[in-house]
Each structure stands twice: as structure tokens, then as C-alpha cells.
């Protein structure tokens, strides 16, 4: 089974604390490394947790609040200083290109690798990345400024034939192709070996939905329904529901409600307000609605299961 692993680099909201940094995550799907948001200290966290950031070729920025992108310039600069030449793809608000280029201009910096910008439209959900293993789609979120989340999904793997079966029946390339296409294998004796006995059917594709900053909004449900892992912000306890509404954020109870209604397999909450030194009450509140909830904890990795 191919890798599908999420590592938390930052889990705080707008104000970092001595123990928590602003939002950033690294997702590894089949050795494709996707950086999701890039708050301050992201490159330090990558080094701290021994993650090779030169392997990151695709960065997804949800919106232009500083706690989601202010670590980006430092990361790009370090990539340049360490000799990167491979192009870097940024999926981001259109205005981020101007922000980056004006900093390069006034610091007279000339990086050695191309940056390819892919601007979000913030109107419709859309496919923004695709290769033979993975596809990524946006989710338009309900925040104070234009903001989107992302759904990462494996593409279905083809059935495989074990090496033992190939050796046992001395299968040719044409026979292997025919079996993978659904055919049975007929031995020279006339005995039929059923297709189901030869093929190993892969597990169903796994998926991860990232909902960064948003108020409670059930319009999300159809786009995240049934995902294997949902990350949803939970900035406040529900006793601060009015504050959450004013700032276009979500409470832990509301995050649990979204997870339950979307019938996801597992919920991870994060983006905690700096006022909470102890995160257990946030976890307890979300679990009161959706039991299979975990906390986003910096340095911890979660393998996404079917």
C-alpha cells in the first residue's frame, strides 16, 4: 500500500505560543510531498522533525491571513540558498504572487528556480492538481476573507497479480494484461483459473479533507462526505460560540457536528486559540458529538487508513 501520511507542523491560530506554531502541515501521498499552508516557523519545524523540504514541489495556501502564509518567504529563500533548481508550484490567492515578487524586488533577491503560480478562484470548487496517483480539489470556505480548503484523494490502483501466480502459471505479458482486464486464465489442460483467484484487489482510495479557517457551514458536507480523515479548525470552545461567529471561526462542538453529519471516518481538530493552554476540553467537546476525534499535535504523524 502506498504512503498516505499527514504530519502536523503548526496547530495554533493567529497568535503563536511558546509551545504551538501557526498553521502548517505536510502530507505525503505516494512520496509526493504537499505542504498545506505555511505559517511562521514552518521551515524550522521541517528541520526539527527531520523532513526534507527540498522534496516539496507543491505548496497549497488557503488564504492571506498571516498565520497561514508568513513562513513562505523564509522557506523559499532557504530553498534558494540550498541550491534548489527544480520549479516550485504555489496554489494560492492571486495576490500572493505580488506579495512575493515585491519582497524579491526590494531585497534584490534573484532565486535560481521558477515559481509557478496557480490562482484560486474562490467562487467554485475546482480540480487544481492531478497526476497518475493523486488529485486535489478546492473547497470554498466561509471566512472573513476569501479562503479555501483542499481535498486530497488517491486515484484507484489497478488490481495486481502476485509474482507467485506469474511464476506458477508461467504467465506471458499478454496473459497478464488480459487477466488485469478481467479475463480468466485457461491452462493448457483446459482448466480455468478464475480471475478472482489471480488478482489482488486494492483497497478503496483514501482521502483527506483540510478545512482551514471557516465558520460553521453545512454547505461543506457534500464535498467532504465520507472522507477518511477530516481536519477542521476548532478555534474556540462552544461557550465562545458568539465570538466564533463574529470572527468566522468554528467551535470544537461545531467541528464534531460537521464530522458527524459528513459521516467522515476520523476527525482531527486544530487552529487552537492561544487562550487554551490545556487542549483536553476542546477534544472532549468534539468527542461528545463525534467520538473518533484526535488533536492536531505538532510533530505527530497520522497514517490515513481506509
C-alpha atoms as a PDB file:
ATOM      1  CA  UNK A   1       0.000   0.000   0.000  1.00  0.00           C
ATOM      2  CA  UNK A   2       1.342   3.438  -0.915  1.00  0.00           C
ATOM      3  CA  UNK A   3       2.129   6.078   1.725  1.00  0.00           C
ATOM      4  CA  UNK A   4      -0.631   8.399   2.912  1.00  0.00           C
ATOM      5  CA  UNK A   5       0.659  10.230   5.974  1.00  0.00           C
ATOM      6  CA  UNK A   6      -0.049  13.635   7.497  1.00  0.00           C
ATOM      7  CA  UNK A   7       2.475  15.430   9.739  1.00  0.00           C
ATOM      8  CA  UNK A   8       1.431  18.472  11.762  1.00  0.00           C
ATOM      9  CA  UNK A   9       3.968  21.319  11.733  1.00  0.00           C
ATOM     10  CA  UNK A  10       1.813  24.037  13.298  1.00  0.00           C
ATOM     11  CA  UNK A  11      -1.569  23.921  15.035  1.00  0.00           C
ATOM     12  CA  UNK A  12      -2.073  27.359  16.620  1.00  0.00           C
ATOM     13  CA  UNK A  13      -4.420  30.067  15.415  1.00  0.00           C
ATOM     14  CA  UNK A  14      -3.353  33.657  14.658  1.00  0.00           C
ATOM     15  CA  UNK A  15      -1.182  34.099  17.765  1.00  0.00           C
ATOM     16  CA  UNK A  16       1.572  31.528  18.285  1.00  0.00           C
ATOM     17  CA  UNK A  17       2.504  30.392  21.779  1.00  0.00           C
ATOM     18  CA  UNK A  18       5.749  29.135  23.273  1.00  0.00           C
ATOM     19  CA  UNK A  19       4.557  25.591  22.517  1.00  0.00           C
ATOM     20  CA  UNK A  20       2.433  25.974  19.382  1.00  0.00           C
ATOM     21  CA  UNK A  21       3.175  27.494  15.984  1.00  0.00           C
ATOM     22  CA  UNK A  22       0.814  28.832  13.300  1.00  0.00           C
ATOM     23  CA  UNK A  23      -0.764  26.515  10.779  1.00  0.00           C
ATOM     24  CA  UNK A  24       1.298  24.228   8.537  1.00  0.00           C
ATOM     25  CA  UNK A  25       1.016  20.567   7.561  1.00  0.00           C
ATOM     26  CA  UNK A  26       2.990  18.164   5.387  1.00  0.00           C
ATOM     27  CA  UNK A  27       1.099  15.441   3.531  1.00  0.00           C
ATOM     28  CA  UNK A  28       2.919  12.514   1.927  1.00  0.00           C
ATOM     29  CA  UNK A  29       0.941  10.571  -0.650  1.00  0.00           C
ATOM     30  CA  UNK A  30       2.969   8.005  -2.577  1.00  0.00           C
ATOM     31  CA  UNK A  31       6.166  10.013  -1.966  1.00  0.00           C
ATOM     32  CA  UNK A  32       4.571  13.209  -3.240  1.00  0.00           C
ATOM     33  CA  UNK A  33       5.088  15.822  -0.527  1.00  0.00           C
ATOM     34  CA  UNK A  34       2.404  18.508  -0.307  1.00  0.00           C
ATOM     35  CA  UNK A  35       2.860  21.456   2.072  1.00  0.00           C
ATOM     36  CA  UNK A  36      -0.505  22.758   3.265  1.00  0.00           C
ATOM     37  CA  UNK A  37      -0.311  26.358   4.498  1.00  0.00           C
ATOM     38  CA  UNK A  38       2.957  27.840   5.693  1.00  0.00           C
ATOM     39  CA  UNK A  39       2.743  29.847   8.906  1.00  0.00           C
ATOM     40  CA  UNK A  40       5.755  31.302  10.696  1.00  0.00           C
ATOM     41  CA  UNK A  41       8.428  28.761  11.735  1.00  0.00           C
ATOM     42  CA  UNK A  42       7.384  26.222   9.101  1.00  0.00           C
ATOM     43  CA  UNK A  43      10.942  25.725   7.842  1.00  0.00           C
ATOM     44  CA  UNK A  44      12.197  25.406  11.415  1.00  0.00           C
ATOM     45  CA  UNK A  45       9.579  22.747  12.119  1.00  0.00           C
ATOM     46  CA  UNK A  46      10.527  20.868   8.959  1.00  0.00           C
ATOM     47  CA  UNK A  47      14.121  20.758  10.180  1.00  0.00           C
ATOM     48  CA  UNK A  48      13.085  19.917  13.727  1.00  0.00           C
ATOM     49  CA  UNK A  49      11.118  16.887  12.605  1.00  0.00           C
ATOM     50  CA  UNK A  50      13.764  15.860  10.028  1.00  0.00           C
ATOM     51  CA  UNK A  51      11.543  16.404   6.984  1.00  0.00           C
ATOM     52  CA  UNK A  52      13.402  17.237   3.761  1.00  0.00           C
ATOM     53  CA  UNK A  53      11.768  20.383   2.433  1.00  0.00           C
ATOM     54  CA  UNK A  54      13.593  20.237  -0.899  1.00  0.00           C
ATOM     55  CA  UNK A  55      11.271  17.310  -1.706  1.00  0.00           C
ATOM     56  CA  UNK A  56       8.302  19.681  -1.525  1.00  0.00           C
ATOM     57  CA  UNK A  57       7.247  20.676  -5.043  1.00  0.00           C
ATOM     58  CA  UNK A  58       3.655  21.738  -4.351  1.00  0.00           C
ATOM     59  CA  UNK A  59       2.519  24.241  -1.698  1.00  0.00           C
ATOM     60  CA  UNK A  60      -1.157  24.993  -1.018  1.00  0.00           C
ATOM     61  CA  UNK A  61      -2.036  28.289   0.687  1.00  0.00           C
ATOM     62  CA  UNK A  62      -5.643  28.581   1.849  1.00  0.00           C
ATOM     63  CA  UNK A  63      -5.866  32.361   2.305  1.00  0.00           C
ATOM     64  CA  UNK A  64      -3.953  35.541   3.062  1.00  0.00           C
ATOM     65  CA  UNK A  65      -4.198  35.770   6.824  1.00  0.00           C
ATOM     66  CA  UNK A  66      -0.622  35.865   8.053  1.00  0.00           C
ATOM     67  CA  UNK A  67      -0.785  32.786  10.240  1.00  0.00           C
ATOM     68  CA  UNK A  68      -1.273  30.736   7.065  1.00  0.00           C
ATOM     69  CA  UNK A  69       1.491  32.096   4.825  1.00  0.00           C
ATOM     70  CA  UNK A  70       4.061  34.316   6.608  1.00  0.00           C
ATOM     71  CA  UNK A  71       6.587  31.468   6.730  1.00  0.00           C
ATOM     72  CA  UNK A  72       6.605  31.158   2.958  1.00  0.00           C
ATOM     73  CA  UNK A  73       9.251  33.789   2.115  1.00  0.00           C
ATOM     74  CA  UNK A  74      11.732  32.262   4.526  1.00  0.00           C
ATOM     75  CA  UNK A  75      11.112  28.784   3.158  1.00  0.00           C
ATOM     76  CA  UNK A  76      11.552  29.922  -0.458  1.00  0.00           C
ATOM     77  CA  UNK A  77      14.735  31.816   0.470  1.00  0.00           C
ATOM     78  CA  UNK A  78      16.209  28.764   2.166  1.00  0.00           C
ATOM     79  CA  UNK A  79      15.341  26.582  -0.812  1.00  0.00           C
ATOM     80  CA  UNK A  80      17.241  29.065  -2.993  1.00  0.00           C
ATOM     81  CA  UNK A  81      20.263  29.286  -0.677  1.00  0.00           C
ATOM     82  CA  UNK A  82      20.493  25.497  -0.581  1.00  0.00           C
ATOM     83  CA  UNK A  83      20.758  25.364  -4.372  1.00  0.00           C
ATOM     84  CA  UNK A  84      17.278  24.380  -5.479  1.00  0.00           C
ATOM     85  CA  UNK A  85      16.749  24.446  -9.248  1.00  0.00           C
ATOM     86  CA  UNK A  86      13.510  22.441  -9.547  1.00  0.00           C
ATOM     87  CA  UNK A  87      10.379  24.521 -10.108  1.00  0.00           C
ATOM     88  CA  UNK A  88       8.017  25.127  -7.197  1.00  0.00           C
ATOM     89  CA  UNK A  89       4.239  25.189  -7.670  1.00  0.00           C
ATOM     90  CA  UNK A  90       2.155  27.509  -5.478  1.00  0.00           C
ATOM     91  CA  UNK A  91      -1.627  27.041  -5.341  1.00  0.00           C
ATOM     92  CA  UNK A  92      -2.698  30.248  -3.698  1.00  0.00           C
ATOM     93  CA  UNK A  93      -4.612  33.542  -3.780  1.00  0.00           C
ATOM     94  CA  UNK A  94      -3.673  35.513  -6.898  1.00  0.00           C
ATOM     95  CA  UNK A  95      -2.399  38.411  -4.753  1.00  0.00           C
ATOM     96  CA  UNK A  96       0.293  36.245  -3.190  1.00  0.00           C
ATOM     97  CA  UNK A  97       2.390  36.496  -6.347  1.00  0.00           C
ATOM     98  CA  UNK A  98       2.573  40.290  -5.942  1.00  0.00           C
ATOM     99  CA  UNK A  99       3.446  39.941  -2.255  1.00  0.00           C
ATOM    100  CA  UNK A 100       6.319  37.557  -3.008  1.00  0.00           C
ATOM    101  CA  UNK A 101       7.662  39.446  -6.014  1.00  0.00           C
ATOM    102  CA  UNK A 102       7.711  42.821  -4.265  1.00  0.00           C
ATOM    103  CA  UNK A 103       9.816  41.313  -1.477  1.00  0.00           C
ATOM    104  CA  UNK A 104      12.228  39.886  -4.012  1.00  0.00           C
ATOM    105  CA  UNK A 105      12.360  43.260  -5.750  1.00  0.00           C
ATOM    106  CA  UNK A 106      13.212  45.330  -2.694  1.00  0.00           C
ATOM    107  CA  UNK A 107      15.674  42.808  -1.287  1.00  0.00           C
ATOM    108  CA  UNK A 108      17.264  42.429  -4.719  1.00  0.00           C
ATOM    109  CA  UNK A 109      16.908  38.662  -4.458  1.00  0.00           C
ATOM    110  CA  UNK A 110      17.049  36.528  -7.573  1.00  0.00           C
ATOM    111  CA  UNK A 111      16.105  32.942  -6.917  1.00  0.00           C
ATOM    112  CA  UNK A 112      17.523  30.155  -9.068  1.00  0.00           C
ATOM    113  CA  UNK A 113      14.319  28.196  -9.590  1.00  0.00           C
ATOM    114  CA  UNK A 114      10.989  29.088 -11.227  1.00  0.00           C
ATOM    115  CA  UNK A 115       7.840  29.566  -9.160  1.00  0.00           C
ATOM    116  CA  UNK A 116       4.653  28.537 -10.954  1.00  0.00           C
ATOM    117  CA  UNK A 117       1.540  30.237  -9.567  1.00  0.00           C
ATOM    118  CA  UNK A 118      -1.908  28.644  -9.711  1.00  0.00           C
ATOM    119  CA  UNK A 119      -4.522  31.143  -8.502  1.00  0.00           C
ATOM    120  CA  UNK A 120      -7.640  30.052  -6.588  1.00  0.00           C
ATOM    121  CA  UNK A 121     -10.937  31.391  -7.919  1.00  0.00           C
ATOM    122  CA  UNK A 122     -12.779  31.275  -4.532  1.00  0.00           C
ATOM    123  CA  UNK A 123     -16.095  31.005  -6.371  1.00  0.00           C
ATOM    124  CA  UNK A 124     -16.355  27.366  -7.382  1.00  0.00           C
ATOM    125  CA  UNK A 125     -14.701  24.229  -6.104  1.00  0.00           C
ATOM    126  CA  UNK A 126     -12.232  23.050  -8.729  1.00  0.00           C
ATOM    127  CA  UNK A 127      -9.606  20.472  -9.571  1.00  0.00           C
ATOM    128  CA  UNK A 128      -6.221  22.181  -9.075  1.00  0.00           C
ATOM    129  CA  UNK A 129      -3.733  19.296  -9.184  1.00  0.00           C
ATOM    130  CA  UNK A 130      -3.719  15.871 -10.765  1.00  0.00           C
ATOM    131  CA  UNK A 131      -1.211  13.200 -11.657  1.00  0.00           C
ATOM    132  CA  UNK A 132      -1.405   9.431 -12.064  1.00  0.00           C
ATOM    133  CA  UNK A 133      -1.701   8.831  -8.284  1.00  0.00           C
ATOM    134  CA  UNK A 134      -3.383  11.868  -6.700  1.00  0.00           C
ATOM    135  CA  UNK A 135      -5.960  14.566  -7.322  1.00  0.00           C
ATOM    136  CA  UNK A 136      -6.536  17.733  -5.299  1.00  0.00           C
ATOM    137  CA  UNK A 137      -9.694  19.840  -5.290  1.00  0.00           C
ATOM    138  CA  UNK A 138     -10.530  23.095  -3.538  1.00  0.00           C
ATOM    139  CA  UNK A 139     -13.437  23.666  -1.165  1.00  0.00           C
ATOM    140  CA  UNK A 140     -14.689  27.247  -0.911  1.00  0.00           C
ATOM    141  CA  UNK A 141     -14.918  28.086   2.813  1.00  0.00           C
ATOM    142  CA  UNK A 142     -16.886  30.725   4.695  1.00  0.00           C
ATOM    143  CA  UNK A 143     -14.322  33.043   6.285  1.00  0.00           C
ATOM    144  CA  UNK A 144     -13.810  36.788   6.719  1.00  0.00           C
ATOM    145  CA  UNK A 145     -11.668  36.981   3.576  1.00  0.00           C
ATOM    146  CA  UNK A 146     -11.596  34.609   0.586  1.00  0.00           C
ATOM    147  CA  UNK A 147     -10.466  31.221   1.846  1.00  0.00           C
ATOM    148  CA  UNK A 148     -10.499  27.654   0.636  1.00  0.00           C
ATOM    149  CA  UNK A 149      -9.800  24.188   1.913  1.00  0.00           C
ATOM    150  CA  UNK A 150      -8.497  21.218  -0.017  1.00  0.00           C
ATOM    151  CA  UNK A 151      -9.474  17.602  -0.591  1.00  0.00           C
ATOM    152  CA  UNK A 152      -6.616  15.221  -1.409  1.00  0.00           C
ATOM    153  CA  UNK A 153      -7.654  11.873  -2.850  1.00  0.00           C
ATOM    154  CA  UNK A 154      -5.811   8.834  -4.110  1.00  0.00           C
ATOM    155  CA  UNK A 155      -6.687   7.558  -7.533  1.00  0.00           C
ATOM    156  CA  UNK A 156      -7.830   3.917  -7.656  1.00  0.00           C
ATOM    157  CA  UNK A 157      -4.973   1.473  -8.014  1.00  0.00           C
ATOM    158  CA  UNK A 158      -5.121  -1.289 -10.592  1.00  0.00           C
ATOM    159  CA  UNK A 159      -5.502  -4.882  -9.392  1.00  0.00           C
ATOM    160  CA  UNK A 160      -2.190  -6.723  -9.145  1.00  0.00           C
ATOM    161  CA  UNK A 161      -1.077 -10.273  -9.828  1.00  0.00           C
ATOM    162  CA  UNK A 162       1.316 -11.825  -7.353  1.00  0.00           C
ATOM    163  CA  UNK A 163       4.766 -12.860  -8.503  1.00  0.00           C
ATOM    164  CA  UNK A 164       3.958 -16.342  -7.213  1.00  0.00           C
ATOM    165  CA  UNK A 165       0.979 -16.645  -9.589  1.00  0.00           C
ATOM    166  CA  UNK A 166       3.014 -15.349 -12.528  1.00  0.00           C
ATOM    167  CA  UNK A 167       5.733 -17.920 -11.823  1.00  0.00           C
ATOM    168  CA  UNK A 168       3.323 -20.792 -11.070  1.00  0.00           C
ATOM    169  CA  UNK A 169       1.357 -20.422 -14.296  1.00  0.00           C
ATOM    170  CA  UNK A 170       4.243 -19.081 -16.416  1.00  0.00           C
ATOM    171  CA  UNK A 171       2.083 -16.148 -17.476  1.00  0.00           C
ATOM    172  CA  UNK A 172       3.077 -14.153 -20.540  1.00  0.00           C
ATOM    173  CA  UNK A 173       2.788 -10.376 -20.773  1.00  0.00           C
ATOM    174  CA  UNK A 174      -0.325 -10.705 -22.950  1.00  0.00           C
ATOM    175  CA  UNK A 175      -1.927 -13.087 -20.457  1.00  0.00           C
ATOM    176  CA  UNK A 176      -1.188 -10.728 -17.559  1.00  0.00           C
ATOM    177  CA  UNK A 177      -2.786  -7.826 -19.452  1.00  0.00           C
ATOM    178  CA  UNK A 178      -5.863  -9.952 -20.227  1.00  0.00           C
ATOM    179  CA  UNK A 179      -6.232 -11.029 -16.585  1.00  0.00           C
ATOM    180  CA  UNK A 180      -5.944  -7.440 -15.336  1.00  0.00           C
ATOM    181  CA  UNK A 181      -8.662  -6.518 -17.841  1.00  0.00           C
ATOM    182  CA  UNK A 182     -10.993  -9.043 -16.180  1.00  0.00           C
ATOM    183  CA  UNK A 183     -10.344 -12.294 -18.022  1.00  0.00           C
ATOM    184  CA  UNK A 184      -9.827 -15.759 -16.568  1.00  0.00           C
ATOM    185  CA  UNK A 185      -6.728 -17.844 -17.278  1.00  0.00           C
ATOM    186  CA  UNK A 186      -7.092 -21.094 -19.200  1.00  0.00           C
ATOM    187  CA  UNK A 187      -4.358 -23.661 -18.605  1.00  0.00           C
ATOM    188  CA  UNK A 188      -3.151 -25.894 -21.401  1.00  0.00           C
ATOM    189  CA  UNK A 189      -5.124 -28.729 -19.802  1.00  0.00           C
ATOM    190  CA  UNK A 190      -8.290 -26.671 -20.262  1.00  0.00           C
ATOM    191  CA  UNK A 191      -8.677 -25.973 -16.551  1.00  0.00           C
ATOM    192  CA  UNK A 192      -9.983 -22.461 -15.906  1.00  0.00           C
ATOM    193  CA  UNK A 193      -8.392 -20.385 -13.158  1.00  0.00           C
ATOM    194  CA  UNK A 194     -10.845 -17.715 -12.130  1.00  0.00           C
ATOM    195  CA  UNK A 195      -9.798 -14.095 -12.369  1.00  0.00           C
ATOM    196  CA  UNK A 196     -10.636 -13.550  -8.691  1.00  0.00           C
ATOM    197  CA  UNK A 197      -8.115 -16.234  -7.710  1.00  0.00           C
ATOM    198  CA  UNK A 198      -5.301 -14.490  -9.551  1.00  0.00           C
ATOM    199  CA  UNK A 199      -5.851 -10.827  -8.753  1.00  0.00           C
ATOM    200  CA  UNK A 200      -5.292  -8.923  -5.563  1.00  0.00           C
ATOM    201  CA  UNK A 201      -7.911  -6.180  -5.384  1.00  0.00           C
ATOM    202  CA  UNK A 202      -6.511  -2.982  -3.817  1.00  0.00           C
ATOM    203  CA  UNK A 203      -8.275  -1.149  -1.035  1.00  0.00           C
ATOM    204  CA  UNK A 204     -10.566   1.714  -1.950  1.00  0.00           C
ATOM    205  CA  UNK A 205      -8.842   5.101  -2.449  1.00  0.00           C
ATOM    206  CA  UNK A 206      -8.165   7.141   0.695  1.00  0.00           C
ATOM    207  CA  UNK A 207      -8.937  10.822   1.110  1.00  0.00           C
ATOM    208  CA  UNK A 208      -8.018  13.760   3.331  1.00  0.00           C
ATOM    209  CA  UNK A 209     -10.006  16.990   3.645  1.00  0.00           C
ATOM    210  CA  UNK A 210      -8.411  20.140   5.053  1.00  0.00           C
ATOM    211  CA  UNK A 211     -10.792  22.850   6.264  1.00  0.00           C
ATOM    212  CA  UNK A 212      -8.631  25.707   7.484  1.00  0.00           C
ATOM    213  CA  UNK A 213     -10.485  28.855   8.625  1.00  0.00           C
ATOM    214  CA  UNK A 214     -14.270  28.836   8.399  1.00  0.00           C
ATOM    215  CA  UNK A 215     -17.387  29.451  10.389  1.00  0.00           C
ATOM    216  CA  UNK A 216     -19.894  26.618  10.832  1.00  0.00           C
ATOM    217  CA  UNK A 217     -21.255  25.980   7.351  1.00  0.00           C
ATOM    218  CA  UNK A 218     -23.120  22.844   6.311  1.00  0.00           C
ATOM    219  CA  UNK A 219     -22.519  23.595   2.645  1.00  0.00           C
ATOM    220  CA  UNK A 220     -19.218  21.789   3.199  1.00  0.00           C
ATOM    221  CA  UNK A 221     -20.907  18.474   3.788  1.00  0.00           C
ATOM    222  CA  UNK A 222     -21.358  17.302   0.214  1.00  0.00           C
ATOM    223  CA  UNK A 223     -17.667  17.941  -0.574  1.00  0.00           C
ATOM    224  CA  UNK A 224     -16.175  16.192   2.449  1.00  0.00           C
ATOM    225  CA  UNK A 225     -18.718  13.402   2.847  1.00  0.00           C
ATOM    226  CA  UNK A 226     -17.149  10.101   3.809  1.00  0.00           C
ATOM    227  CA  UNK A 227     -13.502  11.205   3.724  1.00  0.00           C
ATOM    228  CA  UNK A 228     -11.095   9.036   5.665  1.00  0.00           C
ATOM    229  CA  UNK A 229      -9.636  11.953   7.619  1.00  0.00           C
ATOM    230  CA  UNK A 230     -11.083  15.429   8.081  1.00  0.00           C
ATOM    231  CA  UNK A 231      -9.040  18.273   9.553  1.00  0.00           C
ATOM    232  CA  UNK A 232     -11.384  21.016  10.727  1.00  0.00           C
ATOM    233  CA  UNK A 233     -10.471  24.128  12.637  1.00  0.00           C
ATOM    234  CA  UNK A 234     -11.757  24.323  16.225  1.00  0.00           C
ATOM    235  CA  UNK A 235     -10.545  27.688  17.435  1.00  0.00           C
ATOM    236  CA  UNK A 236     -12.881  28.010  20.447  1.00  0.00           C
ATOM    237  CA  UNK A 237     -14.902  26.061  22.965  1.00  0.00           C
ATOM    238  CA  UNK A 238     -18.638  26.278  22.357  1.00  0.00           C
ATOM    239  CA  UNK A 239     -19.096  28.682  25.282  1.00  0.00           C
ATOM    240  CA  UNK A 240     -17.488  31.226  22.925  1.00  0.00           C
ATOM    241  CA  UNK A 241     -19.836  30.471  20.038  1.00  0.00           C
ATOM    242  CA  UNK A 242     -20.701  34.150  19.537  1.00  0.00           C
ATOM    243  CA  UNK A 243     -17.022  35.076  19.341  1.00  0.00           C
ATOM    244  CA  UNK A 244     -16.514  32.291  16.821  1.00  0.00           C
ATOM    245  CA  UNK A 245     -19.367  33.640  14.717  1.00  0.00           C
ATOM    246  CA  UNK A 246     -18.003  37.206  14.843  1.00  0.00           C
ATOM    247  CA  UNK A 247     -14.550  36.087  13.691  1.00  0.00           C
ATOM    248  CA  UNK A 248     -15.775  33.497  11.167  1.00  0.00           C
ATOM    249  CA  UNK A 249     -14.328  30.591  13.112  1.00  0.00           C
ATOM    250  CA  UNK A 250     -15.661  27.312  14.491  1.00  0.00           C
ATOM    251  CA  UNK A 251     -16.032  25.777  17.928  1.00  0.00           C
ATOM    252  CA  UNK A 252     -14.916  22.261  18.801  1.00  0.00           C
ATOM    253  CA  UNK A 253     -18.542  21.194  19.205  1.00  0.00           C
ATOM    254  CA  UNK A 254     -19.374  22.543  15.750  1.00  0.00           C
ATOM    255  CA  UNK A 255     -16.378  20.754  14.211  1.00  0.00           C
ATOM    256  CA  UNK A 256     -17.621  17.498  15.725  1.00  0.00           C
ATOM    257  CA  UNK A 257     -21.086  18.172  14.341  1.00  0.00           C
ATOM    258  CA  UNK A 258     -19.712  18.720  10.835  1.00  0.00           C
ATOM    259  CA  UNK A 259     -17.749  15.452  11.073  1.00  0.00           C
ATOM    260  CA  UNK A 260     -20.809  13.529  12.220  1.00  0.00           C
ATOM    261  CA  UNK A 261     -23.095  14.930   9.525  1.00  0.00           C
ATOM    262  CA  UNK A 262     -20.467  14.344   6.820  1.00  0.00           C
ATOM    263  CA  UNK A 263     -20.031  10.739   8.010  1.00  0.00           C
ATOM    264  CA  UNK A 264     -16.236  11.005   7.908  1.00  0.00           C
ATOM    265  CA  UNK A 265     -14.085   8.196   9.279  1.00  0.00           C
ATOM    266  CA  UNK A 266     -11.921  10.340  11.583  1.00  0.00           C
ATOM    267  CA  UNK A 267     -11.788  13.976  12.671  1.00  0.00           C
ATOM    268  CA  UNK A 268      -8.692  15.965  13.599  1.00  0.00           C
ATOM    269  CA  UNK A 269      -9.184  19.382  15.190  1.00  0.00           C
ATOM    270  CA  UNK A 270      -6.675  22.236  15.295  1.00  0.00           C
ATOM    271  CA  UNK A 271      -6.131  26.004  14.908  1.00  0.00           C
ATOM    272  CA  UNK A 272      -6.477  26.429  18.659  1.00  0.00           C
ATOM    273  CA  UNK A 273      -6.814  29.864  20.206  1.00  0.00           C
ATOM    274  CA  UNK A 274      -3.758  30.825  22.277  1.00  0.00           C
ATOM    275  CA  UNK A 275      -6.079  31.254  25.288  1.00  0.00           C
ATOM    276  CA  UNK A 276      -6.227  27.450  25.673  1.00  0.00           C
ATOM    277  CA  UNK A 277      -3.167  26.075  27.450  1.00  0.00           C
ATOM    278  CA  UNK A 278      -4.890  22.725  28.000  1.00  0.00           C
ATOM    279  CA  UNK A 279      -6.384  21.237  24.825  1.00  0.00           C
ATOM    280  CA  UNK A 280      -8.272  18.410  26.529  1.00  0.00           C
ATOM    281  CA  UNK A 281     -11.539  20.399  26.908  1.00  0.00           C
ATOM    282  CA  UNK A 282     -11.535  21.069  23.152  1.00  0.00           C
ATOM    283  CA  UNK A 283     -11.034  17.373  22.459  1.00  0.00           C
ATOM    284  CA  UNK A 284     -13.721  16.358  24.959  1.00  0.00           C
ATOM    285  CA  UNK A 285     -16.200  18.769  23.422  1.00  0.00           C
ATOM    286  CA  UNK A 286     -15.654  17.495  19.879  1.00  0.00           C
ATOM    287  CA  UNK A 287     -15.769  13.847  21.055  1.00  0.00           C
ATOM    288  CA  UNK A 288     -19.120  14.479  22.747  1.00  0.00           C
ATOM    289  CA  UNK A 289     -20.559  14.658  19.233  1.00  0.00           C
ATOM    290  CA  UNK A 290     -18.061  12.628  17.184  1.00  0.00           C
ATOM    291  CA  UNK A 291     -16.143  10.021  19.156  1.00  0.00           C
ATOM    292  CA  UNK A 292     -13.356   9.316  16.666  1.00  0.00           C
ATOM    293  CA  UNK A 293     -11.694  12.710  17.102  1.00  0.00           C
ATOM    294  CA  UNK A 294      -7.994  13.432  17.694  1.00  0.00           C
ATOM    295  CA  UNK A 295      -5.990  16.574  18.374  1.00  0.00           C
ATOM    296  CA  UNK A 296      -3.552  18.067  15.878  1.00  0.00           C
ATOM    297  CA  UNK A 297      -0.246  17.929  17.780  1.00  0.00           C
ATOM    298  CA  UNK A 298       2.954  19.328  16.311  1.00  0.00           C
ATOM    299  CA  UNK A 299       5.440  16.669  15.281  1.00  0.00           C
ATOM    300  CA  UNK A 300       2.887  13.874  15.311  1.00  0.00           C
ATOM    301  CA  UNK A 301       2.147  11.965  12.117  1.00  0.00           C
ATOM    302  CA  UNK A 302      -1.120  10.262  11.251  1.00  0.00           C
ATOM    303  CA  UNK A 303      -1.392   7.491   8.699  1.00  0.00           C
ATOM    304  CA  UNK A 304      -4.656   7.789   6.822  1.00  0.00           C
ATOM    305  CA  UNK A 305      -6.442   4.431   6.788  1.00  0.00           C
ATOM    306  CA  UNK A 306      -9.429   3.145   4.845  1.00  0.00           C
END
